[in-house]
C-alpha atoms as a PDB file:
ATOM      1  CA  MET A   1     -59.409  -4.292 -14.192  1.00  0.00           C
ATOM      2  CA  SER A   2     -59.828  -6.737 -17.051  1.00  0.00           C
ATOM      3  CA  PHE A   3     -57.262  -8.332 -19.358  1.00  0.00           C
ATOM      4  CA  LYS A   4     -57.882 -10.507 -22.385  1.00  0.00           C
ATOM      5  CA  PHE A   5     -55.691 -13.362 -21.196  1.00  0.00           C
ATOM      6  CA  GLU A   6     -58.439 -15.890 -20.474  1.00  0.00           C
ATOM      7  CA  ALA A   7     -57.511 -17.968 -23.517  1.00  0.00           C
ATOM      8  CA  ALA A   8     -54.198 -18.809 -21.901  1.00  0.00           C
ATOM      9  CA  TYR A   9     -55.866 -20.533 -18.926  1.00  0.00           C
ATOM     10  CA  ASP A  10     -56.297 -23.949 -20.469  1.00  0.00           C
ATOM     11  CA  LYS A  11     -53.956 -25.851 -18.150  1.00  0.00           C
ATOM     12  CA  GLN A  12     -53.557 -26.074 -14.378  1.00  0.00           C
ATOM     13  CA  ILE A  13     -52.770 -22.467 -13.480  1.00  0.00           C
ATOM     14  CA  THR A  14     -55.853 -20.248 -13.295  1.00  0.00           C
ATOM     15  CA  ARG A  15     -56.444 -16.505 -13.191  1.00  0.00           C
ATOM     16  CA  LYS A  16     -57.023 -16.786  -9.443  1.00  0.00           C
ATOM     17  CA  ASP A  17     -53.630 -18.484  -9.012  1.00  0.00           C
ATOM     18  CA  LEU A  18     -51.941 -15.567 -10.770  1.00  0.00           C
ATOM     19  CA  GLN A  19     -53.833 -13.028  -8.684  1.00  0.00           C
ATOM     20  CA  ASN A  20     -52.619 -14.851  -5.588  1.00  0.00           C
ATOM     21  CA  LEU A  21     -49.098 -14.753  -7.022  1.00  0.00           C
ATOM     22  CA  PHE A  22     -49.410 -10.985  -7.369  1.00  0.00           C
ATOM     23  CA  TRP A  23     -50.422 -10.518  -3.723  1.00  0.00           C
ATOM     24  CA  ARG A  24     -47.707 -12.857  -2.448  1.00  0.00           C
ATOM     25  CA  SER A  25     -45.090 -10.987  -4.482  1.00  0.00           C
ATOM     26  CA  ILE A  26     -45.548  -7.802  -2.424  1.00  0.00           C
ATOM     27  CA  PRO A  27     -43.319  -8.902   0.522  1.00  0.00           C
ATOM     28  CA  TYR A  28     -40.706 -10.203  -1.959  1.00  0.00           C
ATOM     29  CA  GLU A  29     -37.979  -7.955  -0.549  1.00  0.00           C
ATOM     30  CA  HIS A  30     -38.858  -8.372   3.138  1.00  0.00           C
ATOM     31  CA  SER A  31     -36.653 -11.448   3.498  1.00  0.00           C
ATOM     32  CA  TRP A  32     -33.769 -10.072   1.378  1.00  0.00           C
ATOM     33  CA  ASN A  33     -30.383 -11.272   2.648  1.00  0.00           C
ATOM     34  CA  TYR A  34     -26.738 -11.089   1.626  1.00  0.00           C
ATOM     35  CA  GLU A  35     -26.388 -14.829   1.049  1.00  0.00           C
ATOM     36  CA  ARG A  36     -28.941 -15.378  -1.725  1.00  0.00           C
ATOM     37  CA  MET A  37     -30.713 -12.016  -1.821  1.00  0.00           C
ATOM     38  CA  GLY A  38     -34.374 -12.389  -2.883  1.00  0.00           C
ATOM     39  CA  HIS A  39     -34.595 -16.173  -3.128  1.00  0.00           C
ATOM     40  CA  VAL A  40     -36.905 -16.658  -0.138  1.00  0.00           C
ATOM     41  CA  GLY A  41     -39.410 -14.038  -1.328  1.00  0.00           C
ATOM     42  CA  PHE A  42     -39.379 -15.472  -4.841  1.00  0.00           C
ATOM     43  CA  THR A  43     -39.965 -19.024  -3.635  1.00  0.00           C
ATOM     44  CA  TRP A  44     -42.641 -18.025  -1.111  1.00  0.00           C
ATOM     45  CA  ALA A  45     -44.613 -16.203  -3.804  1.00  0.00           C
ATOM     46  CA  LEU A  46     -44.510 -19.302  -6.050  1.00  0.00           C
ATOM     47  CA  MET A  47     -45.179 -21.856  -3.320  1.00  0.00           C
ATOM     48  CA  PRO A  48     -48.984 -22.261  -3.723  1.00  0.00           C
ATOM     49  CA  ILE A  49     -48.604 -22.753  -7.484  1.00  0.00           C
ATOM     50  CA  LEU A  50     -45.817 -25.291  -6.940  1.00  0.00           C
ATOM     51  CA  GLN A  51     -48.003 -27.160  -4.442  1.00  0.00           C
ATOM     52  CA  LYS A  52     -50.776 -27.312  -7.012  1.00  0.00           C
ATOM     53  CA  LEU A  53     -48.510 -28.422  -9.869  1.00  0.00           C
ATOM     54  CA  TYR A  54     -46.617 -31.038  -7.838  1.00  0.00           C
ATOM     55  CA  PRO A  55     -48.974 -32.978  -5.524  1.00  0.00           C
ATOM     56  CA  ASN A  56     -46.210 -35.533  -4.887  1.00  0.00           C
ATOM     57  CA  LYS A  57     -43.968 -34.308  -2.069  1.00  0.00           C
ATOM     58  CA  PRO A  58     -40.593 -35.248  -3.703  1.00  0.00           C
ATOM     59  CA  ASP A  59     -41.489 -33.273  -6.835  1.00  0.00           C
ATOM     60  CA  PHE A  60     -42.683 -30.321  -4.749  1.00  0.00           C
ATOM     61  CA  VAL A  61     -39.497 -30.329  -2.665  1.00  0.00           C
ATOM     62  CA  ALA A  62     -37.350 -30.472  -5.804  1.00  0.00           C
ATOM     63  CA  ALA A  63     -39.227 -27.482  -7.242  1.00  0.00           C
ATOM     64  CA  MET A  64     -38.806 -25.510  -4.014  1.00  0.00           C
ATOM     65  CA  LYS A  65     -35.067 -26.209  -3.994  1.00  0.00           C
ATOM     66  CA  ARG A  66     -34.873 -25.136  -7.636  1.00  0.00           C
ATOM     67  CA  HIS A  67     -36.047 -21.647  -6.720  1.00  0.00           C
ATOM     68  CA  MET A  68     -33.971 -21.280  -3.557  1.00  0.00           C
ATOM     69  CA  GLU A  69     -30.947 -20.292  -5.629  1.00  0.00           C
ATOM     70  CA  LEU A  70     -29.502 -16.781  -5.561  1.00  0.00           C
ATOM     71  CA  TYR A  71     -31.876 -14.301  -7.156  1.00  0.00           C
ATOM     72  CA  ASN A  72     -32.135 -10.519  -7.163  1.00  0.00           C
ATOM     73  CA  MET A  73     -34.665  -8.381  -8.969  1.00  0.00           C
ATOM     74  CA  THR A  74     -36.149  -4.900  -8.760  1.00  0.00           C
ATOM     75  CA  PRO A  75     -39.071  -5.798  -6.455  1.00  0.00           C
ATOM     76  CA  TYR A  76     -41.607  -3.698  -8.352  1.00  0.00           C
ATOM     77  CA  ILE A  77     -41.334  -5.857 -11.488  1.00  0.00           C
ATOM     78  CA  CYS A  78     -40.625  -9.223  -9.857  1.00  0.00           C
ATOM     79  CA  THR A  79     -44.021 -10.550 -10.993  1.00  0.00           C
ATOM     80  CA  LEU A  80     -42.730 -10.831 -14.570  1.00  0.00           C
ATOM     81  CA  PRO A  81     -40.047 -13.482 -13.855  1.00  0.00           C
ATOM     82  CA  LEU A  82     -42.323 -15.014 -11.218  1.00  0.00           C
ATOM     83  CA  SER A  83     -45.174 -15.638 -13.645  1.00  0.00           C
ATOM     84  CA  MET A  84     -42.786 -16.798 -16.369  1.00  0.00           C
ATOM     85  CA  ALA A  85     -41.281 -19.278 -13.894  1.00  0.00           C
ATOM     86  CA  ALA A  86     -44.811 -20.433 -13.041  1.00  0.00           C
ATOM     87  CA  ALA A  87     -45.530 -21.067 -16.737  1.00  0.00           C
ATOM     88  CA  MET A  88     -42.313 -23.042 -17.125  1.00  0.00           C
ATOM     89  CA  GLU A  89     -43.032 -25.073 -13.981  1.00  0.00           C
ATOM     90  CA  GLU A  90     -46.478 -25.834 -15.419  1.00  0.00           C
ATOM     91  CA  ALA A  91     -44.849 -27.115 -18.612  1.00  0.00           C
ATOM     92  CA  ASN A  92     -42.430 -29.203 -16.569  1.00  0.00           C
ATOM     93  CA  ALA A  93     -45.253 -30.730 -14.531  1.00  0.00           C
ATOM     94  CA  SER A  94     -46.979 -31.972 -17.695  1.00  0.00           C
ATOM     95  CA  ASP A  95     -43.888 -32.982 -19.680  1.00  0.00           C
ATOM     96  CA  PRO A  96     -41.542 -35.618 -18.176  1.00  0.00           C
ATOM     97  CA  ASP A  97     -38.873 -34.735 -20.767  1.00  0.00           C
ATOM     98  CA  PHE A  98     -38.796 -31.035 -19.879  1.00  0.00           C
ATOM     99  CA  ASP A  99     -35.296 -29.745 -19.046  1.00  0.00           C
ATOM    100  CA  THR A 100     -35.634 -28.152 -15.600  1.00  0.00           C
ATOM    101  CA  SER A 101     -32.304 -26.330 -16.003  1.00  0.00           C
ATOM    102  CA  ALA A 102     -34.096 -24.085 -18.499  1.00  0.00           C
ATOM    103  CA  ILE A 103     -36.161 -22.630 -15.636  1.00  0.00           C
ATOM    104  CA  SER A 104     -33.112 -21.451 -13.705  1.00  0.00           C
ATOM    105  CA  ASN A 105     -31.267 -20.325 -16.816  1.00  0.00           C
ATOM    106  CA  VAL A 106     -34.147 -18.179 -18.076  1.00  0.00           C
ATOM    107  CA  LYS A 107     -34.580 -16.631 -14.623  1.00  0.00           C
ATOM    108  CA  LEU A 108     -30.887 -15.720 -14.436  1.00  0.00           C
ATOM    109  CA  ALA A 109     -30.860 -14.372 -17.977  1.00  0.00           C
ATOM    110  CA  LEU A 110     -33.739 -12.011 -17.117  1.00  0.00           C
ATOM    111  CA  MET A 111     -32.300 -10.875 -13.800  1.00  0.00           C
ATOM    112  CA  GLY A 112     -29.783  -8.298 -15.052  1.00  0.00           C
ATOM    113  CA  PRO A 113     -31.657  -6.675 -17.974  1.00  0.00           C
ATOM    114  CA  LEU A 114     -34.978  -6.436 -16.115  1.00  0.00           C
ATOM    115  CA  SER A 115     -33.356  -5.023 -12.986  1.00  0.00           C
ATOM    116  CA  GLY A 116     -31.538  -2.437 -15.082  1.00  0.00           C
ATOM    117  CA  VAL A 117     -34.795  -1.249 -16.637  1.00  0.00           C
ATOM    118  CA  GLY A 118     -36.688  -1.468 -13.333  1.00  0.00           C
ATOM    119  CA  ASP A 119     -34.099   0.483 -11.340  1.00  0.00           C
ATOM    120  CA  ALA A 120     -33.845   3.170 -14.008  1.00  0.00           C
ATOM    121  CA  PHE A 121     -37.626   3.658 -14.174  1.00  0.00           C
ATOM    122  CA  TYR A 122     -38.614   3.334 -10.508  1.00  0.00           C
ATOM    123  CA  TRP A 123     -35.562   4.753  -8.735  1.00  0.00           C
ATOM    124  CA  GLY A 124     -34.268   7.104 -11.418  1.00  0.00           C
ATOM    125  CA  THR A 125     -37.554   8.458 -12.802  1.00  0.00           C
ATOM    126  CA  LEU A 126     -40.737   7.709 -10.860  1.00  0.00           C
ATOM    127  CA  ARG A 127     -39.237   8.268  -7.416  1.00  0.00           C
ATOM    128  CA  ILE A 128     -37.692  11.590  -8.512  1.00  0.00           C
ATOM    129  CA  LEU A 129     -41.022  12.735  -9.938  1.00  0.00           C
ATOM    130  CA  ALA A 130     -42.941  11.703  -6.812  1.00  0.00           C
ATOM    131  CA  THR A 131     -40.361  13.331  -4.532  1.00  0.00           C
ATOM    132  CA  GLY A 132     -40.460  16.593  -6.513  1.00  0.00           C
ATOM    133  CA  VAL A 133     -44.230  16.895  -6.305  1.00  0.00           C
ATOM    134  CA  GLY A 134     -44.442  15.727  -2.691  1.00  0.00           C
ATOM    135  CA  THR A 135     -41.602  17.960  -1.480  1.00  0.00           C
ATOM    136  CA  SER A 136     -42.955  21.082  -3.172  1.00  0.00           C
ATOM    137  CA  LEU A 137     -46.333  20.594  -1.475  1.00  0.00           C
ATOM    138  CA  ALA A 138     -44.748  19.737   1.894  1.00  0.00           C
ATOM    139  CA  LEU A 139     -42.624  22.912   1.828  1.00  0.00           C
ATOM    140  CA  GLN A 140     -45.844  24.892   1.501  1.00  0.00           C
ATOM    141  CA  GLY A 141     -47.101  23.246   4.681  1.00  0.00           C
ATOM    142  CA  SER A 142     -49.594  21.003   2.890  1.00  0.00           C
ATOM    143  CA  LEU A 143     -50.376  17.547   4.260  1.00  0.00           C
ATOM    144  CA  LEU A 144     -50.888  16.476   0.652  1.00  0.00           C
ATOM    145  CA  GLY A 145     -47.090  16.362   0.265  1.00  0.00           C
ATOM    146  CA  PRO A 146     -46.418  12.872   1.692  1.00  0.00           C
ATOM    147  CA  LEU A 147     -49.784  11.636   0.402  1.00  0.00           C
ATOM    148  CA  MET A 148     -49.035  12.729  -3.178  1.00  0.00           C
ATOM    149  CA  PHE A 149     -45.566  11.158  -2.949  1.00  0.00           C
ATOM    150  CA  LEU A 150     -47.054   7.809  -1.988  1.00  0.00           C
ATOM    151  CA  LEU A 151     -49.789   7.983  -4.617  1.00  0.00           C
ATOM    152  CA  ILE A 152     -47.556   9.063  -7.511  1.00  0.00           C
ATOM    153  CA  PHE A 153     -45.074   6.301  -6.749  1.00  0.00           C
ATOM    154  CA  ASN A 154     -47.361   3.444  -5.738  1.00  0.00           C
ATOM    155  CA  VAL A 155     -50.363   3.745  -8.079  1.00  0.00           C
ATOM    156  CA  PRO A 156     -48.241   3.150 -11.238  1.00  0.00           C
ATOM    157  CA  HIS A 157     -46.163   0.612  -9.321  1.00  0.00           C
ATOM    158  CA  TYR A 158     -49.092  -1.624  -8.391  1.00  0.00           C
ATOM    159  CA  ILE A 159     -50.792  -1.309 -11.778  1.00  0.00           C
ATOM    160  CA  ILE A 160     -47.593  -2.319 -13.607  1.00  0.00           C
ATOM    161  CA  ARG A 161     -46.884  -5.053 -11.076  1.00  0.00           C
ATOM    162  CA  TYR A 162     -50.374  -6.525 -11.593  1.00  0.00           C
ATOM    163  CA  VAL A 163     -50.283  -6.323 -15.395  1.00  0.00           C
ATOM    164  CA  LEU A 164     -46.820  -7.949 -15.537  1.00  0.00           C
ATOM    165  CA  THR A 165     -48.165 -10.932 -13.591  1.00  0.00           C
ATOM    166  CA  PHE A 166     -50.439 -11.859 -16.509  1.00  0.00           C
ATOM    167  CA  LEU A 167     -48.086 -10.736 -19.269  1.00  0.00           C
ATOM    168  CA  GLY A 168     -45.285 -12.886 -17.870  1.00  0.00           C
ATOM    169  CA  TYR A 169     -47.476 -15.976 -17.680  1.00  0.00           C
ATOM    170  CA  ARG A 170     -48.882 -15.465 -21.168  1.00  0.00           C
ATOM    171  CA  PHE A 171     -45.464 -14.803 -22.651  1.00  0.00           C
ATOM    172  CA  GLY A 172     -43.980 -17.773 -20.806  1.00  0.00           C
ATOM    173  CA  SER A 173     -46.721 -20.144 -21.964  1.00  0.00           C
ATOM    174  CA  GLU A 174     -46.534 -19.045 -25.608  1.00  0.00           C
ATOM    175  CA  PHE A 175     -42.737 -19.061 -25.530  1.00  0.00           C
ATOM    176  CA  ILE A 176     -42.552 -22.615 -24.203  1.00  0.00           C
ATOM    177  CA  THR A 177     -45.121 -23.879 -26.706  1.00  0.00           C
ATOM    178  CA  LYS A 178     -43.289 -22.353 -29.667  1.00  0.00           C
ATOM    179  CA  VAL A 179     -39.897 -23.551 -28.462  1.00  0.00           C
ATOM    180  CA  GLN A 180     -41.116 -27.102 -27.939  1.00  0.00           C
ATOM    181  CA  GLU A 181     -42.731 -27.134 -31.396  1.00  0.00           C
ATOM    182  CA  SER A 182     -39.561 -25.818 -33.059  1.00  0.00           C
ATOM    183  CA  GLY A 183     -37.257 -28.250 -31.266  1.00  0.00           C
ATOM    184  CA  ILE A 184     -34.662 -25.616 -30.310  1.00  0.00           C
ATOM    185  CA  MET A 185     -34.982 -25.996 -26.532  1.00  0.00           C
ATOM    186  CA  ASP A 186     -31.355 -27.129 -26.167  1.00  0.00           C
ATOM    187  CA  THR A 187     -30.136 -24.002 -27.963  1.00  0.00           C
ATOM    188  CA  ILE A 188     -32.346 -21.750 -25.823  1.00  0.00           C
ATOM    189  CA  VAL A 189     -31.117 -23.403 -22.627  1.00  0.00           C
ATOM    190  CA  LYS A 190     -27.481 -22.999 -23.676  1.00  0.00           C
ATOM    191  CA  MET A 191     -27.930 -19.338 -24.606  1.00  0.00           C
ATOM    192  CA  ALA A 192     -29.806 -18.590 -21.395  1.00  0.00           C
ATOM    193  CA  SER A 193     -27.110 -20.373 -19.393  1.00  0.00           C
ATOM    194  CA  ILE A 194     -24.398 -18.226 -20.990  1.00  0.00           C
ATOM    195  CA  MET A 195     -26.408 -15.053 -20.370  1.00  0.00           C
ATOM    196  CA  GLY A 196     -27.005 -16.063 -16.757  1.00  0.00           C
ATOM    197  CA  ALA A 197     -23.285 -16.652 -16.201  1.00  0.00           C
ATOM    198  CA  MET A 198     -22.536 -13.233 -17.709  1.00  0.00           C
ATOM    199  CA  VAL A 199     -25.060 -11.579 -15.377  1.00  0.00           C
ATOM    200  CA  ILE A 200     -23.555 -13.252 -12.303  1.00  0.00           C
ATOM    201  CA  GLY A 201     -20.048 -12.288 -13.442  1.00  0.00           C
ATOM    202  CA  ALA A 202     -21.065  -8.663 -14.009  1.00  0.00           C
ATOM    203  CA  MET A 203     -22.766  -8.515 -10.600  1.00  0.00           C
ATOM    204  CA  THR A 204     -19.625  -9.875  -8.942  1.00  0.00           C
ATOM    205  CA  MET A 205     -17.386  -7.306 -10.643  1.00  0.00           C
ATOM    206  CA  GLU A 206     -19.792  -4.469  -9.832  1.00  0.00           C
ATOM    207  CA  MET A 207     -20.414  -5.342  -6.184  1.00  0.00           C
ATOM    208  CA  VAL A 208     -16.945  -6.473  -5.025  1.00  0.00           C
ATOM    209  CA  ALA A 209     -14.578  -3.550  -4.392  1.00  0.00           C
ATOM    210  CA  VAL A 210     -11.163  -4.340  -2.890  1.00  0.00           C
ATOM    211  CA  ASP A 211      -7.679  -2.862  -3.020  1.00  0.00           C
ATOM    212  CA  ILE A 212      -4.269  -4.248  -2.059  1.00  0.00           C
ATOM    213  CA  PRO A 213      -2.481  -1.025  -1.038  1.00  0.00           C
ATOM    214  CA  VAL A 214       0.957  -2.643  -0.809  1.00  0.00           C
ATOM    215  CA  PRO A 215       3.279  -0.216  -2.686  1.00  0.00           C
ATOM    216  CA  ILE A 216       5.238  -1.517  -5.667  1.00  0.00           C
ATOM    217  CA  GLY A 217       8.088   0.575  -7.123  1.00  0.00           C
ATOM    218  CA  ILE A 218       9.713   3.802  -5.950  1.00  0.00           C
ATOM    219  CA  GLY A 219       9.301   7.513  -6.589  1.00  0.00           C
ATOM    220  CA  GLU A 220       6.767   8.650  -9.143  1.00  0.00           C
ATOM    221  CA  ASP A 221       6.454   5.114 -10.498  1.00  0.00           C
ATOM    222  CA  VAL A 222       5.063   3.680  -7.257  1.00  0.00           C
ATOM    223  CA  GLN A 223       1.693   1.931  -7.526  1.00  0.00           C
ATOM    224  CA  THR A 224      -0.311  -0.474  -5.433  1.00  0.00           C
ATOM    225  CA  LEU A 225      -0.131  -4.229  -5.906  1.00  0.00           C
ATOM    226  CA  ALA A 226      -3.816  -4.258  -6.877  1.00  0.00           C
ATOM    227  CA  GLY A 227      -3.199  -1.553  -9.472  1.00  0.00           C
ATOM    228  CA  LEU A 228      -0.329  -3.561 -10.939  1.00  0.00           C
ATOM    229  CA  LEU A 229      -2.372  -6.775 -11.101  1.00  0.00           C
ATOM    230  CA  ASN A 230      -5.433  -5.018 -12.520  1.00  0.00           C
ATOM    231  CA  GLY A 231      -3.225  -3.317 -15.102  1.00  0.00           C
ATOM    232  CA  ILE A 232      -2.052  -6.720 -16.330  1.00  0.00           C
ATOM    233  CA  PHE A 233      -5.531  -8.267 -16.144  1.00  0.00           C
ATOM    234  CA  PRO A 234      -8.479  -5.906 -15.410  1.00  0.00           C
ATOM    235  CA  GLY A 235     -10.470  -7.159 -12.454  1.00  0.00           C
ATOM    236  CA  PHE A 236      -7.762  -9.647 -11.446  1.00  0.00           C
ATOM    237  CA  VAL A 237      -8.134  -9.034  -7.687  1.00  0.00           C
ATOM    238  CA  THR A 238     -11.927  -9.435  -7.788  1.00  0.00           C
ATOM    239  CA  LEU A 239     -11.574 -12.538  -9.936  1.00  0.00           C
ATOM    240  CA  GLY A 240      -9.097 -13.978  -7.439  1.00  0.00           C
ATOM    241  CA  ILE A 241     -11.468 -13.455  -4.523  1.00  0.00           C
ATOM    242  CA  PHE A 242     -14.314 -14.923  -6.572  1.00  0.00           C
ATOM    243  CA  GLY A 243     -12.163 -17.976  -7.317  1.00  0.00           C
ATOM    244  CA  ILE A 244     -11.348 -18.506  -3.646  1.00  0.00           C
ATOM    245  CA  VAL A 245     -15.010 -18.271  -2.617  1.00  0.00           C
ATOM    246  CA  TYR A 246     -16.041 -20.570  -5.473  1.00  0.00           C
ATOM    247  CA  ALA A 247     -13.469 -23.159  -4.361  1.00  0.00           C
ATOM    248  CA  MET A 248     -14.818 -22.986  -0.793  1.00  0.00           C
ATOM    249  CA  LEU A 249     -18.375 -23.466  -2.049  1.00  0.00           C
ATOM    250  CA  LYS A 250     -17.258 -26.458  -4.124  1.00  0.00           C
ATOM    251  CA  LYS A 251     -15.999 -27.998  -0.875  1.00  0.00           C
ATOM    252  CA  LYS A 252     -19.587 -27.692   0.459  1.00  0.00           C
ATOM    253  CA  MET A 253     -18.679 -25.073   3.044  1.00  0.00           C
ATOM    254  CA  ASN A 254     -21.567 -23.203   4.629  1.00  0.00           C
ATOM    255  CA  PRO A 255     -22.017 -19.806   2.893  1.00  0.00           C
ATOM    256  CA  LEU A 256     -22.519 -18.102   6.263  1.00  0.00           C
ATOM    257  CA  LEU A 257     -19.210 -19.540   7.473  1.00  0.00           C
ATOM    258  CA  ILE A 258     -17.520 -18.269   4.301  1.00  0.00           C
ATOM    259  CA  MET A 259     -18.945 -14.797   4.905  1.00  0.00           C
ATOM    260  CA  LEU A 260     -17.716 -14.882   8.525  1.00  0.00           C
ATOM    261  CA  ILE A 261     -14.217 -15.929   7.420  1.00  0.00           C
ATOM    262  CA  MET A 262     -14.117 -13.153   4.833  1.00  0.00           C
ATOM    263  CA  LEU A 263     -15.331 -10.604   7.388  1.00  0.00           C
ATOM    264  CA  ILE A 264     -12.650 -11.543   9.931  1.00  0.00           C
ATOM    265  CA  LEU A 265      -9.871 -11.659   7.320  1.00  0.00           C
ATOM    266  CA  SER A 266     -10.984  -8.308   5.891  1.00  0.00           C
ATOM    267  CA  ILE A 267     -10.832  -6.627   9.301  1.00  0.00           C
ATOM    268  CA  VAL A 268      -7.434  -8.138  10.135  1.00  0.00           C
ATOM    269  CA  CYS A 269      -5.932  -7.382   6.695  1.00  0.00           C
ATOM    270  CA  ALA A 270      -7.333  -3.831   6.716  1.00  0.00           C
ATOM    271  CA  TYR A 271      -5.752  -3.255  10.147  1.00  0.00           C
ATOM    272  CA  LEU A 272      -2.406  -4.547   8.867  1.00  0.00           C
ATOM    273  CA  GLY A 273      -2.652  -2.417   5.723  1.00  0.00           C
ATOM    274  CA  ILE A 274      -2.821  -5.398   3.366  1.00  0.00           C
ATOM    275  CA  LEU A 275      -6.359  -4.738   2.133  1.00  0.00           C
ATOM    276  CA  GLY A 276      -8.300  -1.525   1.576  1.00  0.00           C
ATOM    277  CA  VAL A 277     -11.133   0.077  -0.353  1.00  0.00           C
ATOM    278  CA  PRO A 278     -10.314   1.466  -3.815  1.00  0.00           C
ATOM    279  CA  ALA A 279     -10.137   5.259  -3.903  1.00  0.00           C
END
């Protein structure tokens, strides 16, 4: 498989480095966790490139920490943000004035939109197609059923995953060059930061579901406390929980300890009827 991207390899990162990035991206989801989701897989895939770009240990450690932040991405297209991050790290390694916050902000800005497209295509389209073909053959007693399912799903997956590795790097390199020449890096960083904050906020609202089933009112007008609060300010209960967790993180509390506290309080409050799951 050949791509006309050789002209982009005029710095430190080579075609072989990107091929290695592709292979290391495959176990991206194997270390997924509830604390920071895919951060370990993302950082592990980038690690050889970071070692090459930052021969000095303090710079390498700083780069590793930069990518150990919360990150979640449809695993089948994770090579796109990975290779873009590699291009931005390459620019940072050669430019002492490069704003490293741009790397995190661009990653966060891509997280929501790319995952939306990736989930819709892989889970909502390709998987359904593969399952339909595989199931129909399996019901006829054919051993080709599971084989066709795996082929229909994984052949396009790996081709797209491989191509995105090079597209992401090329796009990232050209993007950085044009931005630096135009002098609008500060504006790009600010816009990406706002988009990243919006993505995190949307994820919080989508993934946190909680009810306060304490009844307010009498007769037909009775409603839960959560319903009353959310009626005044939509998402108020979720925002309140987010605020409490954020305050705990600001006090440098261990995220695992915060999760344990929330788990215990949730069980106790659910038993007492103070908290519940929205209907």
